[in-house]
Amino acid sequence: MKKLGFFIIALAMLVVMTGFVAAERNDPATPEIQGISTATSVQAQGTVTETDSLAWTLAANMTPGMGNQMAVGIGAPLTDSKVQYTTGYNDAVSAVSGQTTFAKTMAVSTGNKIADQSNVAAHTDLQFIAIDTGRATRSEDLLVDGVANATSTSEAILCPFASAASAVIPPYCNIVQAGSSIDTTLTSTVTNANDRFVGTDSAAPVALNYNIASKGITLSDGTSSPMIGSASAYLKVHIQEARNSSTTKSEDLVYSETSTASGLINSFSKGFAYQGGFNLI
């Protein structure tokens, strides 16, 4: 069958941002921890919607020589040795007048995590074929925002050699956000979003990872079609760092990246990986 019009193939290769070296540290968990996990699976012809929203702030007073002093309020002011993190996650799916297969798992843990674990993790798989004037839209965002005054390296990192390199972890104010959106009449799209910022050993860096992979679908009659519509993904980073215990800003780094494709899309794939800390892995 002849294909009239234009044909777009969008392939954005993985971007790994391990070059961003920031003296971030983990924020230790509160004494009582919580876990939230959900699993959703839908196969339907008609309308399918999903809405997810998370806002979580964690603060600690890391007074040198006093251990993890948790009696500190969230919000301003940023007192001496205070560390505070905020993470946010939002997802909105609307599939109208079509055949929809939707599966999602969501996990939130407020406990301390090591390098291969996450505090927030979301995996989503959406397949949609429009009927008549049907349409599916989705937007997803994940954010980590960390601020801290100078804290003792020996209080934050288990490795006994860390303090020899630097006695303190300097003040910082860092924010990272990533996400994607689609507007389509036919697609198979998978996304993964996760972050980590809670832990007792800051040898494991703060991390945010995001990936999207969109493509077409093989129809029931055996024919294949590319994705029809548009897809985009973005990353925004703002790093502000001091040196030693000074509150004078020594580094200001701003980075943003956006990729988009529209029309008939054979493949749209993009990935982001952010790490910030005393050491990167």
Protein backbone atom coordinates (compact mmCIF):
# COMPACT_ATOMS: atom_id res chain seq x y z
CA MET A 1 0.00 0.00 0.00
CA LYS A 2 1.36 3.36 -1.00
CA LYS A 3 2.01 5.79 1.78
CA LEU A 4 0.91 9.30 0.92
CA GLY A 5 2.19 12.31 2.82
CA PHE A 6 5.41 12.28 4.84
CA PHE A 7 7.12 9.64 6.95
CA ILE A 8 9.05 10.62 10.07
CA ILE A 9 11.48 8.43 11.96
CA ALA A 10 12.56 9.93 15.27
CA LEU A 11 15.33 8.25 17.23
CA ALA A 12 16.92 10.20 20.10
CA MET A 13 19.78 8.14 21.56
CA LEU A 14 20.42 7.72 25.26
CA VAL A 15 21.89 10.73 27.00
CA VAL A 16 23.84 9.95 30.17
CA MET A 17 24.69 13.03 32.17
CA THR A 18 27.35 11.64 34.44
CA GLY A 19 29.43 14.74 33.82
CA PHE A 20 27.43 16.71 36.35
CA VAL A 21 29.54 16.40 39.48
CA ALA A 22 27.71 18.02 42.38
CA ALA A 23 28.47 17.77 46.09
CA GLU A 24 25.02 16.54 46.98
CA ARG A 25 24.33 14.18 49.86
CA ASN A 26 21.50 11.87 50.80
CA ASP A 27 18.88 12.83 53.38
CA PRO A 28 18.40 10.11 56.06
CA ALA A 29 14.94 8.63 56.52
CA THR A 30 12.66 9.49 59.40
CA PRO A 31 12.45 6.82 62.19
CA GLU A 32 9.09 5.63 60.90
CA ILE A 33 9.03 4.79 57.20
CA GLN A 34 6.19 4.28 54.74
CA GLY A 35 5.72 2.30 51.54
CA ILE A 36 3.11 2.75 48.82
CA SER A 37 2.76 0.40 45.85
CA THR A 38 0.05 0.15 43.21
CA ALA A 39 -0.52 -1.97 40.11
CA THR A 40 -3.02 -1.14 37.37
CA SER A 41 -4.03 -3.24 34.35
CA VAL A 42 -6.79 -2.25 31.90
CA GLN A 43 -7.96 -3.64 28.57
CA ALA A 44 -10.94 -1.70 27.24
CA GLN A 45 -12.70 -0.28 24.23
CA GLY A 46 -14.04 3.17 25.03
CA THR A 47 -12.49 5.60 27.53
CA VAL A 48 -9.59 4.98 29.92
CA THR A 49 -8.09 7.58 32.28
CA GLU A 50 -5.35 7.52 34.91
CA THR A 51 -4.10 10.31 37.20
CA ASP A 52 -1.10 10.08 39.55
CA SER A 53 0.23 12.82 41.81
CA LEU A 54 3.04 12.79 44.40
CA ALA A 55 4.54 15.60 46.51
CA TRP A 56 7.04 14.63 49.23
CA THR A 57 9.43 16.78 51.29
CA LEU A 58 12.05 15.42 53.72
CA ALA A 59 14.28 17.49 56.02
CA ALA A 60 17.08 16.72 58.51
CA ASN A 61 19.50 18.68 60.69
CA MET A 62 22.93 17.09 60.24
CA THR A 63 24.82 18.79 63.11
CA PRO A 64 28.48 17.66 63.02
CA GLY A 65 29.33 15.26 65.85
CA MET A 66 25.68 14.97 66.92
CA GLY A 67 24.47 12.28 64.53
CA ASN A 68 21.30 12.64 62.50
CA GLN A 69 19.21 15.23 64.34
CA MET A 70 15.72 14.82 62.91
CA ALA A 71 13.96 17.53 64.98
CA VAL A 72 13.86 20.11 62.19
CA GLY A 73 10.91 21.55 60.31
CA ILE A 74 10.47 21.47 56.55
CA GLY A 75 10.48 24.73 54.62
CA ALA A 76 12.37 27.96 55.26
CA PRO A 77 14.68 29.02 56.80
CA LEU A 78 17.64 26.88 55.77
CA THR A 79 19.36 26.66 59.15
CA ASP A 80 22.94 25.52 59.81
CA SER A 81 23.61 21.89 58.74
CA LYS A 82 20.06 21.50 57.40
CA VAL A 83 19.39 19.21 54.42
CA GLN A 84 16.04 19.23 52.63
CA TYR A 85 14.72 17.38 49.58
CA THR A 86 11.46 17.57 47.65
CA THR A 87 10.38 15.10 45.00
CA GLY A 88 7.30 15.36 42.84
CA TYR A 89 5.68 13.04 40.31
CA ASN A 90 2.68 13.65 38.04
CA ASP A 91 1.09 11.52 35.34
CA ALA A 92 -2.13 12.13 33.39
CA VAL A 93 -3.47 9.64 30.83
CA SER A 94 -6.62 10.07 28.74
CA ALA A 95 -7.55 7.55 26.05
CA VAL A 96 -10.91 8.26 24.42
CA SER A 97 -12.80 6.28 21.75
CA GLY A 98 -10.29 3.56 21.12
CA GLN A 99 -8.92 0.14 21.98
CA THR A 100 -6.65 0.61 25.00
CA THR A 101 -4.26 -1.68 26.85
CA PHE A 102 -2.81 0.06 29.90
CA ALA A 103 -0.52 -1.32 32.60
CA LYS A 104 1.26 0.60 35.35
CA THR A 105 3.19 -0.08 38.54
CA MET A 106 3.99 2.66 41.04
CA ALA A 107 6.19 2.33 44.13
CA VAL A 108 7.09 4.91 46.78
CA SER A 109 9.35 4.13 49.75
CA THR A 110 10.45 6.65 52.38
CA GLY A 111 13.19 4.33 53.69
CA ASN A 112 16.96 4.58 53.23
CA LYS A 113 18.13 3.24 49.86
CA ILE A 114 21.41 2.00 48.45
CA ALA A 115 22.84 2.64 44.98
CA ASP A 116 20.71 0.12 43.05
CA GLN A 117 17.39 1.04 44.70
CA SER A 118 14.83 3.84 44.28
CA ASN A 119 12.60 5.95 46.51
CA VAL A 120 10.13 6.61 43.68
CA ALA A 121 9.70 4.24 40.73
CA ALA A 122 7.03 4.24 38.00
CA HIS A 123 6.75 1.89 35.01
CA THR A 124 4.00 2.44 32.43
CA ASP A 125 2.98 0.61 29.24
CA LEU A 126 0.28 2.16 27.00
CA GLN A 127 -1.06 0.75 23.73
CA PHE A 128 -3.82 2.59 21.92
CA ILE A 129 -5.63 2.30 18.58
CA ALA A 130 -8.22 5.00 17.86
CA ILE A 131 -11.70 4.28 16.62
CA ASP A 132 -13.18 6.99 14.37
CA THR A 133 -12.15 10.30 16.02
CA GLY A 134 -10.48 8.70 19.03
CA ARG A 135 -7.36 10.15 20.63
CA ALA A 136 -4.95 9.41 23.48
CA THR A 137 -2.89 11.98 25.38
CA ARG A 138 -0.40 11.56 28.19
CA SER A 139 2.02 13.78 30.14
CA GLU A 140 4.47 12.61 32.82
CA ASP A 141 6.97 14.52 34.99
CA LEU A 142 9.47 13.61 37.74
CA LEU A 143 11.37 16.16 39.86
CA VAL A 144 14.05 16.15 42.57
CA ASP A 145 14.89 19.41 44.35
CA GLY A 146 17.64 19.37 46.99
CA VAL A 147 19.06 22.15 49.19
CA ALA A 148 21.57 22.04 52.05
CA ASN A 149 24.00 24.05 54.09
CA ALA A 150 27.50 22.69 54.75
CA THR A 151 27.53 19.31 56.50
CA SER A 152 30.33 17.10 57.82
CA THR A 153 31.62 14.50 55.36
CA SER A 154 32.29 12.06 58.22
CA GLU A 155 28.59 12.25 59.18
CA ALA A 156 27.44 11.53 55.62
CA ILE A 157 29.85 9.00 54.07
CA LEU A 158 30.82 5.64 55.51
CA CYS A 159 34.16 5.42 53.67
CA PRO A 160 36.92 6.51 56.13
CA PHE A 161 38.95 8.13 53.32
CA ALA A 162 36.23 10.60 52.26
CA SER A 163 37.06 13.17 54.95
CA ALA A 164 40.68 13.28 53.75
CA ALA A 165 39.47 14.54 50.38
CA SER A 166 37.08 17.10 51.89
CA ALA A 167 36.08 17.67 55.51
CA VAL A 168 32.69 19.08 54.53
CA ILE A 169 30.06 18.67 51.85
CA PRO A 170 29.49 22.29 50.72
CA PRO A 171 26.14 24.10 50.50
CA TYR A 172 24.11 23.51 47.35
CA CYS A 173 20.75 24.16 45.71
CA ASN A 174 20.07 21.69 42.88
CA ILE A 175 16.92 20.89 40.92
CA VAL A 176 16.39 18.28 38.20
CA GLN A 177 13.20 17.61 36.23
CA ALA A 178 12.44 15.19 33.39
CA GLY A 179 9.34 14.01 31.59
CA SER A 180 7.49 13.35 28.35
CA SER A 181 4.20 13.83 26.55
CA ILE A 182 2.35 12.12 23.69
CA ASP A 183 -0.72 12.99 21.59
CA THR A 184 -1.68 10.10 19.35
CA THR A 185 -4.25 8.02 17.52
CA LEU A 186 -2.04 4.92 17.47
CA THR A 187 0.91 4.05 19.67
CA SER A 188 2.77 1.61 21.83
CA THR A 189 4.62 3.64 24.48
CA VAL A 190 6.64 2.48 27.50
CA THR A 191 8.13 4.82 30.14
CA ASN A 192 10.26 4.33 33.23
CA ALA A 193 10.83 7.03 35.87
CA ASN A 194 12.72 6.70 39.17
CA ASP A 195 14.76 8.70 41.67
CA ARG A 196 16.78 8.22 44.87
CA PHE A 197 17.73 10.75 47.55
CA VAL A 198 17.14 9.05 50.93
CA GLY A 199 19.99 7.18 52.61
CA THR A 200 22.53 7.06 55.42
CA ASP A 201 25.62 6.74 53.20
CA SER A 202 26.13 9.54 50.68
CA ALA A 203 28.74 7.51 48.82
CA ALA A 204 25.69 6.56 46.72
CA PRO A 205 24.81 9.73 44.77
CA VAL A 206 21.41 11.36 44.47
CA ALA A 207 19.91 10.10 41.19
CA LEU A 208 17.07 10.68 38.74
CA ASN A 209 16.46 8.48 35.69
CA TYR A 210 13.86 8.78 32.94
CA ASN A 211 13.25 6.78 29.75
CA ILE A 212 10.57 6.75 27.04
CA ALA A 213 10.21 4.41 24.05
CA SER A 214 7.37 4.94 21.56
CA LYS A 215 6.66 3.04 18.34
CA GLY A 216 3.85 1.70 16.17
CA ILE A 217 1.69 -1.40 16.52
CA THR A 218 1.19 -4.60 14.52
CA LEU A 219 -2.56 -4.75 13.89
CA SER A 220 -4.81 -7.81 14.24
CA ASP A 221 -4.78 -8.40 10.46
CA GLY A 222 -1.00 -8.69 10.50
CA THR A 223 -0.25 -5.29 9.02
CA SER A 224 2.00 -2.84 10.84
CA SER A 225 1.60 0.88 11.34
CA PRO A 226 4.00 3.44 12.77
CA MET A 227 2.94 5.60 15.68
CA ILE A 228 0.59 8.36 14.51
CA GLY A 229 0.71 11.72 16.30
CA SER A 230 3.42 13.44 18.33
CA ALA A 231 5.88 12.60 21.09
CA SER A 232 8.30 14.70 23.12
CA ALA A 233 10.68 14.33 26.07
CA TYR A 234 12.66 16.88 28.07
CA LEU A 235 15.27 17.38 30.80
CA LYS A 236 15.92 20.51 32.90
CA VAL A 237 18.83 20.86 35.34
CA HIS A 238 19.92 23.81 37.52
CA ILE A 239 22.96 23.24 39.73
CA GLN A 240 24.19 25.82 42.29
CA GLU A 241 27.23 24.87 44.38
CA ALA A 242 29.58 26.45 46.94
CA ARG A 243 33.04 25.38 48.12
CA ASN A 244 33.94 24.18 51.62
CA SER A 245 31.65 25.83 54.21
CA SER A 246 31.25 29.09 52.29
CA THR A 247 27.81 30.33 51.30
CA THR A 248 29.33 32.11 48.31
CA LYS A 249 28.14 30.46 45.09
CA SER A 250 31.08 28.95 43.19
CA GLU A 251 29.17 27.13 40.45
CA ASP A 252 25.97 27.82 38.52
CA LEU A 253 25.12 25.26 35.83
CA VAL A 254 21.93 25.30 33.75
CA TYR A 255 21.17 22.58 31.21
CA SER A 256 18.01 21.81 29.23
CA GLU A 257 17.21 19.42 26.41
CA THR A 258 14.00 18.68 24.48
CA SER A 259 13.32 16.24 21.64
CA THR A 260 10.09 16.10 19.63
CA ALA A 261 8.66 14.15 16.70
CA SER A 262 5.33 14.32 14.90
CA GLY A 263 3.62 12.60 11.99
CA LEU A 264 4.23 8.90 11.29
CA ILE A 265 6.83 7.82 13.86
CA ASN A 266 8.65 4.52 13.47
CA SER A 267 10.61 4.97 16.70
CA PHE A 268 11.01 7.63 19.36
CA SER A 269 13.41 6.72 22.18
CA LYS A 270 15.04 8.96 24.75
CA GLY A 271 16.73 8.45 28.10
CA PHE A 272 18.11 10.69 30.84
CA ALA A 273 20.35 9.77 33.76
CA TYR A 274 21.36 12.31 36.43
CA GLN A 275 23.72 11.78 39.37
CA GLY A 276 24.86 14.32 41.93
CA GLY A 277 27.12 13.66 44.88
CA PHE A 278 30.54 13.44 46.45
CA ASN A 279 31.23 10.46 44.16
CA LEU A 280 29.49 9.24 41.01
CA ILE A 281 28.93 5.58 40.10
